[in-house]
Every structure is written in C-alpha cells, then in structure tokens.
C-alpha cells in the first residue's frame, strides 16, 4: 500500500488525459483530410512524423527515468502534451500541423513509458497483472466515453471545438502529476523461477527485449496502417455523421478494450502467458480485414469491437511477462524500449497507409493490418514462461 496514493493519482491522470485525447482521436484524420485539404499520403505523413518522434523519445525517457526518477519527466511530458491540440485547432493548412505534431510526439515519448513503469514500481509480482488491468481500465474508461462526446460536440459546434476542449483537459491534469511521489525502486537482485538462484543473464535479458520488440514492431505496423484510414473510410463509404464515428470508436475500441481487462488479467494469472498472447493475436487478426467488408454500420461496430476486444485481452499477459523476465532496476528502460518499438511499428504503418490507399484502394491497408497482427502471434511462442511449475519430487531422485 506504500504507493497506493500514487496509483490513485496516476489513474486520475490516465482517465482525464485519455478522455481529452479520445475527444479528438476519431475526428482527427477527417479534420486533416477534409478541413485542411491533405491527401491520404499527406495524412499518413502527419501521423508518422508524430509517432516517429515519440518512438525516438521513449527509449531515452525510460533510460533517464531509471537514473533520475520518473516524477519530473512524467510531469513535463504531460504539460507539453496540452499545447499541440490547441495549435491544431488554429491551423489553416495541413503543413501547419507538422511542428505541433513533432511536439506532440516529443511529449508522448516522455510520459508513455513512465506511466507503465510507475505501475510496475508500485505492485508486486503477484499483483502486477491485476494492477495493469485496473490502471488500463482508467485509461480505457476515458476512451469509451469521449469519442461519442467528441462526435456530438463536433456536429453541434464544429470540428475544431473538441481540440480546444482537449487542450483544457490535459492542462487540468498536469497539477495532479506534481502531487505524485517518486516511485522508482532501488536496484534488487532478480531471481529466476527455475529452481536456480542465478540472476537473469545478460544474453537472456537481451533475447527477451528483442522478442518483445519484434512483437511490438509487427503488431504496431498492423495497427498503424489503418489508424489514419478508418475514420475517412467510414465517412466516404457510409452516410454517417461525426456522432456515429465517435460512437463507433467508443464501442469498437473503448468498450471493447475495457470489458476484457479484468478477465484478461485473470487469464494472465491462471494460464501460460505465451499462449494467451498467441491465441488473442491469431484469433483477432481476421476481424481487422472483415471490418473493410462491412455492409452496414452495425457490421462496422461488431467487427471493430471483436478485433479490439480480442487483441486487447493480451495486454496484461504481455506486460506482466515482460516485467517478470527483466530486472526491476531496468523497468523504465525496458518500458521505453517496448514503447519505442511499438511506436516504430505504428510510424511505419502510418507512413505506408496513405500510399497503400492512394495506389491500391481502401481495402489494401486492412489486408496489411490483418496479415501483420496474425504474423505477430508466432513470436510469443519463442518466449519463456516465468511461473514456477510444480515438480514431481521423484524427478530429483536418480
């Protein structure tokens, strides 16, 4: 309970910031294309430059936080993140977005790995999966409500209004980051659950980071290649308004991701975490493609819900296994590497999304997405499970 207060404050920051960012998330691609006159390729460029800067910053942020602490970097990143939405709303062309997209990526790169490292700092090995599930719910609660609110507000007051609201809310979350204490742990020896008292070797540590990074890059590409496309695809192919687009994201991403967190945390605690990842990655992949073949708005919601619900059920298993196979003194760095590689995948996907769409049509990014998510299912099978397995005493008798 030593850090219970800080986890509570962090959950508030998660909730407010996710609500703020989700106000603009679904309409952001539409705004760039329809209001600022960007092509799909230019839209992909704006997305990719922000995510590229975030990818570079996250590994540096994790490394610095391990050395100097998490609190100040987390507060700085949150503060800087407030200003890009304000400047987006004042833009007159898509090129005006570029410097502020860079600042947004810089701020995101500062705070993303630190928030997840703080959760790891404040929980034990036995409670870590559940702690990630509950903290993730705080984030997802905002992303469940806000897209619908953002769509309604955009229809009522214009598409730029949600960006002003986003600025105000993130700025309001900043003081809460100053109330947090430093949570970084003192370096401790890491005992491997293999019946041996040896610490995790450097080779095993490196191999673990490489495998998790591969998952992140491949899966990040699968998610990033459709991120700039989905909203415009829906608007272009169905007679809907911003309110529906917001509702689609609220149910298809927010509700879908939130309802699986507690069951997913229990599955992570009960079953082989590698198999949890394998099954969720593989089973979710076809629905990313089926979304593009929707023939009604109901099918859009159903396929988006299924793809995100099943895929996000892997999160507690993924994060817990990564933490348990790396030293606690390196958790900030490890989360930074993980976040960096995931955002690298997203950046590559963003950059190629518009090119695929402009040259091969709306369906091409969705085929690429389904293939990448399905391919990522192979990699967890190369990882090692960290649970202590009950052994037959006779096995030790020769």
Protein backbone atom coordinates (compact mmCIF):
# COMPACT_ATOMS: atom_id res chain seq x y z
CA UNK A 1 0.00 0.00 0.00
CA UNK A 2 3.05 2.28 0.10
CA UNK A 3 2.30 3.69 -3.29
CA UNK A 4 -1.50 3.35 -3.26
CA UNK A 5 -1.91 7.12 -3.24
CA UNK A 6 0.30 7.49 -6.31
CA UNK A 7 -1.52 4.77 -8.24
CA UNK A 8 -4.80 6.55 -7.47
CA UNK A 9 -3.41 9.88 -8.72
CA UNK A 10 -1.95 8.18 -11.79
CA UNK A 11 -5.35 6.63 -12.51
CA UNK A 12 -6.91 10.11 -12.44
CA UNK A 13 -4.26 11.37 -14.88
CA UNK A 14 -4.90 8.36 -17.11
CA UNK A 15 -8.65 9.00 -17.05
CA UNK A 16 -8.53 12.74 -17.78
CA UNK A 17 -5.84 12.50 -20.46
CA UNK A 18 -7.47 9.57 -22.22
CA UNK A 19 -10.80 11.42 -22.22
CA UNK A 20 -9.11 14.51 -23.65
CA UNK A 21 -7.21 12.69 -26.40
CA UNK A 22 -10.19 10.49 -27.29
CA UNK A 23 -12.33 13.59 -27.89
CA UNK A 24 -10.25 14.27 -30.98
CA UNK A 25 -8.97 10.80 -31.92
CA UNK A 26 -11.82 9.66 -34.21
CA UNK A 27 -12.23 13.02 -35.98
CA UNK A 28 -8.50 13.83 -36.23
CA UNK A 29 -7.95 12.05 -39.60
CA UNK A 30 -11.17 13.55 -41.01
CA UNK A 31 -10.09 17.03 -39.89
CA UNK A 32 -6.70 16.72 -41.59
CA UNK A 33 -8.14 15.42 -44.86
CA UNK A 34 -11.45 17.25 -45.18
CA UNK A 35 -10.82 20.55 -43.35
CA UNK A 36 -7.13 21.05 -44.07
CA UNK A 37 -7.03 19.56 -47.57
CA UNK A 38 -4.47 16.78 -47.11
CA UNK A 39 -4.30 13.72 -49.37
CA UNK A 40 -4.24 10.26 -47.79
CA UNK A 41 -0.47 10.12 -48.29
CA UNK A 42 -0.04 13.52 -46.60
CA UNK A 43 -2.37 12.39 -43.80
CA UNK A 44 -0.17 9.35 -43.25
CA UNK A 45 2.89 11.61 -43.14
CA UNK A 46 1.43 13.77 -40.34
CA UNK A 47 0.63 10.67 -38.31
CA UNK A 48 4.01 9.08 -38.92
CA UNK A 49 6.11 12.13 -38.04
CA UNK A 50 4.44 12.45 -34.64
CA UNK A 51 4.79 8.75 -33.91
CA UNK A 52 8.37 8.74 -35.18
CA UNK A 53 9.42 11.43 -32.70
CA UNK A 54 7.56 9.59 -29.94
CA UNK A 55 9.41 6.38 -30.80
CA UNK A 56 12.81 8.08 -30.56
CA UNK A 57 11.98 9.80 -27.27
CA UNK A 58 10.52 6.84 -25.39
CA UNK A 59 13.69 4.81 -25.06
CA UNK A 60 15.56 7.93 -23.87
CA UNK A 61 12.78 8.74 -21.42
CA UNK A 62 12.84 5.24 -19.93
CA UNK A 63 16.63 5.32 -19.56
CA UNK A 64 16.65 8.75 -17.89
CA UNK A 65 13.82 7.80 -15.54
CA UNK A 66 15.78 4.77 -14.31
CA UNK A 67 18.66 7.07 -13.41
CA UNK A 68 16.98 10.26 -12.22
CA UNK A 69 13.43 9.29 -11.36
CA UNK A 70 10.05 9.27 -13.04
CA UNK A 71 8.11 12.13 -11.45
CA UNK A 72 9.65 15.17 -13.15
CA UNK A 73 9.82 13.66 -16.63
CA UNK A 74 6.23 12.46 -16.33
CA UNK A 75 5.06 15.92 -15.27
CA UNK A 76 6.98 17.64 -18.08
CA UNK A 77 5.58 15.30 -20.73
CA UNK A 78 2.02 15.82 -19.52
CA UNK A 79 2.41 19.61 -19.52
CA UNK A 80 3.84 19.76 -23.05
CA UNK A 81 1.13 17.43 -24.37
CA UNK A 82 -1.54 20.07 -23.69
CA UNK A 83 -0.44 22.55 -26.36
CA UNK A 84 -0.49 20.67 -29.71
CA UNK A 85 -4.31 20.23 -29.69
CA UNK A 86 -4.74 23.98 -29.25
CA UNK A 87 -2.48 24.71 -32.21
CA UNK A 88 -4.15 22.02 -34.32
CA UNK A 89 -7.43 23.89 -33.90
CA UNK A 90 -5.82 27.11 -35.14
CA UNK A 91 -4.21 25.57 -38.24
CA UNK A 92 -5.18 26.80 -41.71
CA UNK A 93 -3.49 24.03 -43.72
CA UNK A 94 -2.09 20.56 -43.08
CA UNK A 95 1.53 21.81 -43.16
CA UNK A 96 0.75 23.99 -40.13
CA UNK A 97 0.31 20.78 -38.14
CA UNK A 98 3.85 19.49 -38.64
CA UNK A 99 5.75 21.38 -35.88
CA UNK A 100 2.99 20.70 -33.38
CA UNK A 101 2.84 17.04 -34.37
CA UNK A 102 6.56 16.93 -33.56
CA UNK A 103 5.93 18.49 -30.13
CA UNK A 104 3.09 16.05 -29.53
CA UNK A 105 5.39 13.13 -30.32
CA UNK A 106 8.07 14.55 -28.01
CA UNK A 107 5.61 14.88 -25.12
CA UNK A 108 4.11 11.45 -25.71
CA UNK A 109 7.58 9.95 -25.79
CA UNK A 110 8.30 11.41 -22.37
CA UNK A 111 5.28 10.18 -20.46
CA UNK A 112 4.11 6.93 -22.08
CA UNK A 113 6.83 4.54 -20.79
CA UNK A 114 6.92 6.24 -17.39
CA UNK A 115 3.24 5.69 -16.64
CA UNK A 116 3.53 1.95 -17.16
CA UNK A 117 6.84 1.80 -15.27
CA UNK A 118 5.17 3.52 -12.28
CA UNK A 119 2.53 0.77 -12.22
CA UNK A 120 5.28 -1.86 -12.14
CA UNK A 121 7.12 0.05 -9.39
CA UNK A 122 4.02 0.12 -7.23
CA UNK A 123 2.95 -3.52 -7.50
CA UNK A 124 4.30 -6.92 -6.51
CA UNK A 125 4.93 -9.87 -8.80
CA UNK A 126 1.68 -11.44 -7.59
CA UNK A 127 -0.48 -8.38 -8.23
CA UNK A 128 1.20 -6.86 -11.27
CA UNK A 129 -1.14 -8.30 -13.91
CA UNK A 130 -4.21 -7.15 -11.98
CA UNK A 131 -2.63 -3.73 -11.36
CA UNK A 132 -2.07 -3.29 -15.09
CA UNK A 133 -5.66 -4.34 -15.77
CA UNK A 134 -7.15 -1.84 -13.31
CA UNK A 135 -4.87 1.00 -14.42
CA UNK A 136 -5.66 0.25 -18.04
CA UNK A 137 -9.36 0.49 -17.18
CA UNK A 138 -8.79 4.10 -16.06
CA UNK A 139 -7.30 4.84 -19.46
CA UNK A 140 -9.98 2.94 -21.33
CA UNK A 141 -12.85 4.48 -19.40
CA UNK A 142 -11.97 7.86 -20.88
CA UNK A 143 -11.61 6.40 -24.36
CA UNK A 144 -15.02 4.74 -24.01
CA UNK A 145 -16.99 7.88 -23.25
CA UNK A 146 -15.03 10.62 -25.02
CA UNK A 147 -15.28 9.55 -28.69
CA UNK A 148 -19.07 9.76 -28.56
CA UNK A 149 -18.90 13.12 -26.77
CA UNK A 150 -16.34 14.40 -29.27
CA UNK A 151 -18.52 13.38 -32.22
CA UNK A 152 -21.62 15.05 -30.78
CA UNK A 153 -19.70 18.24 -29.96
CA UNK A 154 -18.16 18.31 -33.46
CA UNK A 155 -21.62 18.04 -35.04
CA UNK A 156 -23.04 20.76 -32.77
CA UNK A 157 -20.19 23.29 -32.61
CA UNK A 158 -17.87 22.43 -35.48
CA UNK A 159 -14.99 20.02 -35.91
CA UNK A 160 -12.41 22.34 -34.31
CA UNK A 161 -14.19 22.69 -30.95
CA UNK A 162 -13.09 19.30 -29.49
CA UNK A 163 -9.45 20.32 -29.95
CA UNK A 164 -9.93 23.31 -27.63
CA UNK A 165 -11.59 21.05 -25.05
CA UNK A 166 -8.68 18.61 -25.31
CA UNK A 167 -6.20 21.39 -24.53
CA UNK A 168 -8.12 22.48 -21.41
CA UNK A 169 -8.47 18.95 -20.03
CA UNK A 170 -4.81 17.95 -20.42
CA UNK A 171 -3.74 21.21 -18.83
CA UNK A 172 -6.10 20.44 -15.93
CA UNK A 173 -4.46 17.02 -15.47
CA UNK A 174 -0.97 18.49 -15.16
CA UNK A 175 -1.22 19.58 -11.46
CA UNK A 176 -2.04 16.00 -10.46
CA UNK A 177 1.34 14.84 -11.77
CA UNK A 178 3.02 17.22 -9.31
CA UNK A 179 1.20 15.56 -6.40
CA UNK A 180 2.80 12.19 -7.07
CA UNK A 181 5.80 10.90 -5.16
CA UNK A 182 8.85 9.31 -6.72
CA UNK A 183 8.15 5.58 -7.13
CA UNK A 184 11.36 4.25 -8.64
CA UNK A 185 12.65 1.18 -6.83
CA UNK A 186 16.14 0.58 -5.55
CA UNK A 187 18.04 -1.96 -7.66
CA UNK A 188 17.41 -5.51 -6.47
CA UNK A 189 18.72 -8.88 -7.46
CA UNK A 190 16.42 -10.69 -9.82
CA UNK A 191 15.82 -14.35 -9.03
CA UNK A 192 14.86 -16.61 -11.89
CA UNK A 193 12.00 -19.04 -11.24
CA UNK A 194 13.82 -22.12 -12.47
CA UNK A 195 14.96 -23.73 -9.26
CA UNK A 196 18.27 -21.92 -9.58
CA UNK A 197 19.47 -18.89 -7.64
CA UNK A 198 21.27 -17.32 -10.59
CA UNK A 199 20.27 -13.91 -11.80
CA UNK A 200 18.87 -13.32 -15.24
CA UNK A 201 21.84 -13.46 -17.62
CA UNK A 202 22.69 -10.68 -19.99
CA UNK A 203 22.06 -12.90 -23.01
CA UNK A 204 18.60 -13.94 -21.79
CA UNK A 205 17.76 -10.33 -20.93
CA UNK A 206 18.78 -9.15 -24.41
CA UNK A 207 16.91 -12.00 -26.12
CA UNK A 208 13.76 -11.14 -24.17
CA UNK A 209 13.90 -7.48 -25.22
CA UNK A 210 14.49 -8.46 -28.86
CA UNK A 211 11.48 -10.80 -28.95
CA UNK A 212 9.11 -8.34 -27.29
CA UNK A 213 10.41 -5.63 -29.64
CA UNK A 214 9.62 -7.81 -32.66
CA UNK A 215 6.08 -8.31 -31.40
CA UNK A 216 5.71 -4.56 -30.97
CA UNK A 217 7.07 -3.64 -34.41
CA UNK A 218 4.98 -6.17 -36.32
CA UNK A 219 1.80 -5.54 -34.35
CA UNK A 220 2.37 -1.78 -34.26
CA UNK A 221 2.52 -1.83 -38.05
CA UNK A 222 -0.75 -3.76 -38.15
CA UNK A 223 -2.48 -1.17 -36.01
CA UNK A 224 -0.78 1.87 -37.52
CA UNK A 225 -1.50 1.01 -41.15
CA UNK A 226 -5.25 1.52 -40.61
CA UNK A 227 -5.19 4.27 -37.96
CA UNK A 228 -5.31 7.22 -40.43
CA UNK A 229 -7.72 5.37 -42.71
CA UNK A 230 -10.61 4.09 -40.58
CA UNK A 231 -12.49 7.35 -39.97
CA UNK A 232 -12.18 8.51 -43.58
CA UNK A 233 -13.14 5.05 -44.85
CA UNK A 234 -16.33 5.17 -42.79
CA UNK A 235 -17.23 8.72 -43.83
CA UNK A 236 -16.56 8.00 -47.52
CA UNK A 237 -18.44 4.71 -47.72
CA UNK A 238 -21.38 5.16 -45.34
CA UNK A 239 -23.93 8.01 -44.90
CA UNK A 240 -22.91 8.85 -41.32
CA UNK A 241 -22.05 11.94 -39.25
CA UNK A 242 -19.34 12.67 -36.69
CA UNK A 243 -21.56 11.36 -33.90
CA UNK A 244 -21.60 7.91 -35.47
CA UNK A 245 -17.84 7.96 -35.99
CA UNK A 246 -17.43 8.80 -32.32
CA UNK A 247 -19.89 6.07 -31.33
CA UNK A 248 -18.00 3.55 -33.47
CA UNK A 249 -14.76 4.28 -31.61
CA UNK A 250 -16.49 4.43 -28.23
CA UNK A 251 -17.93 0.93 -28.64
CA UNK A 252 -15.48 -0.61 -31.08
CA UNK A 253 -12.37 0.45 -29.16
CA UNK A 254 -13.27 1.87 -25.75
CA UNK A 255 -15.93 -0.60 -24.58
CA UNK A 256 -14.24 -3.50 -26.38
CA UNK A 257 -10.91 -2.86 -24.69
CA UNK A 258 -12.33 -2.14 -21.25
CA UNK A 259 -14.64 -5.13 -20.81
CA UNK A 260 -11.84 -7.64 -21.33
CA UNK A 261 -9.31 -6.18 -18.89
CA UNK A 262 -10.33 -7.92 -15.68
CA UNK A 263 -10.94 -11.33 -17.34
CA UNK A 264 -7.69 -10.86 -19.26
CA UNK A 265 -5.81 -10.16 -16.02
CA UNK A 266 -7.19 -13.36 -14.51
CA UNK A 267 -6.26 -15.34 -17.62
CA UNK A 268 -2.75 -13.94 -17.35
CA UNK A 269 -2.57 -15.08 -13.72
CA UNK A 270 -4.00 -18.55 -14.45
CA UNK A 271 -2.64 -19.65 -17.84
CA UNK A 272 0.60 -19.73 -19.79
CA UNK A 273 1.05 -16.11 -20.81
CA UNK A 274 2.70 -17.04 -24.10
CA UNK A 275 -0.38 -19.00 -25.13
CA UNK A 276 -2.68 -16.16 -24.06
CA UNK A 277 -0.80 -13.87 -26.45
CA UNK A 278 -0.68 -16.46 -29.24
CA UNK A 279 -4.42 -17.13 -29.14
CA UNK A 280 -5.52 -13.49 -28.84
CA UNK A 281 -3.21 -12.26 -31.60
CA UNK A 282 -4.21 -15.03 -34.01
CA UNK A 283 -7.96 -15.01 -33.38
CA UNK A 284 -8.27 -11.21 -33.59
CA UNK A 285 -6.47 -10.84 -36.94
CA UNK A 286 -9.30 -11.77 -39.36
CA UNK A 287 -11.63 -9.16 -37.90
CA UNK A 288 -9.27 -6.33 -38.89
CA UNK A 289 -9.90 -7.30 -42.51
CA UNK A 290 -13.60 -8.11 -42.14
CA UNK A 291 -14.14 -4.52 -40.99
CA UNK A 292 -13.41 -3.33 -44.54
CA UNK A 293 -16.03 -5.71 -45.93
CA UNK A 294 -18.81 -4.38 -43.69
CA UNK A 295 -22.08 -3.80 -45.49
CA UNK A 296 -23.84 -1.90 -42.71
CA UNK A 297 -22.99 0.37 -39.80
CA UNK A 298 -23.88 -2.47 -37.41
CA UNK A 299 -21.23 -4.68 -39.01
CA UNK A 300 -18.70 -1.87 -38.68
CA UNK A 301 -19.32 -1.74 -34.94
CA UNK A 302 -19.33 -5.53 -34.49
CA UNK A 303 -16.09 -6.20 -36.40
CA UNK A 304 -14.25 -3.29 -34.79
CA UNK A 305 -15.45 -4.46 -31.36
CA UNK A 306 -14.30 -8.04 -31.90
CA UNK A 307 -10.88 -7.12 -33.31
CA UNK A 308 -10.03 -4.79 -30.44
CA UNK A 309 -11.61 -6.81 -27.63
CA UNK A 310 -9.74 -9.99 -28.53
CA UNK A 311 -6.43 -8.25 -29.24
CA UNK A 312 -6.51 -6.16 -26.06
CA UNK A 313 -7.10 -9.26 -23.95
CA UNK A 314 -3.37 -9.92 -24.47
CA UNK A 315 -2.25 -6.75 -22.69
CA UNK A 316 -1.92 -7.98 -19.06
CA UNK A 317 -0.14 -11.15 -20.19
CA UNK A 318 2.22 -9.22 -22.47
CA UNK A 319 3.15 -6.56 -19.93
CA UNK A 320 3.44 -8.90 -16.93
CA UNK A 321 5.63 -11.43 -18.75
CA UNK A 322 7.89 -8.64 -19.98
CA UNK A 323 8.31 -7.25 -16.46
CA UNK A 324 8.91 -10.63 -14.85
CA UNK A 325 11.64 -11.56 -17.33
CA UNK A 326 13.64 -8.35 -16.83
CA UNK A 327 15.36 -6.79 -13.77
CA UNK A 328 13.26 -4.28 -11.80
CA UNK A 329 16.14 -1.78 -11.93
CA UNK A 330 15.71 -1.71 -15.73
CA UNK A 331 11.92 -1.45 -15.91
CA UNK A 332 11.93 2.18 -17.05
CA UNK A 333 14.40 1.34 -19.82
CA UNK A 334 12.53 -1.83 -20.78
CA UNK A 335 9.20 0.01 -20.97
CA UNK A 336 10.94 2.68 -23.02
CA UNK A 337 12.26 0.09 -25.49
CA UNK A 338 8.85 -1.58 -25.63
CA UNK A 339 7.04 1.68 -26.27
CA UNK A 340 9.67 2.80 -28.80
CA UNK A 341 9.45 -0.35 -30.88
CA UNK A 342 5.64 -0.34 -30.81
CA UNK A 343 5.54 3.27 -31.97
CA UNK A 344 8.16 2.49 -34.61
CA UNK A 345 5.77 -0.09 -36.00
CA UNK A 346 2.91 2.40 -35.85
CA UNK A 347 5.05 5.03 -37.59
CA UNK A 348 5.89 2.67 -40.45
CA UNK A 349 2.24 1.65 -40.73
CA UNK A 350 1.10 5.28 -40.73
CA UNK A 351 3.60 6.22 -43.43
CA UNK A 352 2.51 3.36 -45.71
CA UNK A 353 -1.23 3.65 -45.05
CA UNK A 354 -1.83 6.57 -47.38
CA UNK A 355 0.42 5.12 -50.07
CA UNK A 356 -1.44 1.82 -49.98
CA UNK A 357 -4.79 3.59 -50.00
CA UNK A 358 -3.94 6.02 -52.82
CA UNK A 359 -2.42 3.31 -55.04
CA UNK A 360 -4.40 0.15 -54.28
CA UNK A 361 -7.65 1.40 -52.78
CA UNK A 362 -9.35 1.46 -49.40
CA UNK A 363 -9.02 -2.29 -48.79
CA UNK A 364 -5.22 -2.53 -49.04
CA UNK A 365 -4.41 -1.17 -45.54
CA UNK A 366 -6.88 -3.60 -43.96
CA UNK A 367 -5.30 -6.61 -45.67
CA UNK A 368 -1.89 -5.45 -44.43
CA UNK A 369 -3.28 -4.98 -40.91
CA UNK A 370 -4.80 -8.46 -40.67
CA UNK A 371 -1.64 -10.11 -42.01
CA UNK A 372 0.66 -8.26 -39.57
CA UNK A 373 -1.46 -8.95 -36.48
CA UNK A 374 -1.72 -12.63 -37.42
CA UNK A 375 2.03 -12.84 -38.06
CA UNK A 376 2.79 -11.38 -34.61
CA UNK A 377 1.17 -14.47 -33.00
CA UNK A 378 4.20 -16.61 -33.84
CA UNK A 379 6.72 -14.63 -31.80
CA UNK A 380 5.35 -15.23 -28.24
CA UNK A 381 5.99 -18.97 -28.71
CA UNK A 382 9.74 -18.20 -28.58
CA UNK A 383 9.49 -16.62 -25.11
CA UNK A 384 9.89 -18.43 -21.77
CA UNK A 385 7.12 -18.70 -19.19
CA UNK A 386 8.09 -17.32 -15.75
CA UNK A 387 5.79 -19.30 -13.48
CA UNK A 388 7.17 -21.82 -11.03
CA UNK A 389 5.86 -25.20 -12.12
CA UNK A 390 5.19 -27.85 -9.51
CA UNK A 391 7.72 -30.61 -9.95
CA UNK A 392 7.43 -34.28 -9.09
CA UNK A 393 9.85 -34.92 -6.16
CA UNK A 394 10.88 -38.17 -7.81
CA UNK A 395 12.38 -36.21 -10.68
CA UNK A 396 15.20 -35.20 -8.36
CA UNK A 397 15.95 -38.82 -7.43
CA UNK A 398 18.34 -40.57 -9.73
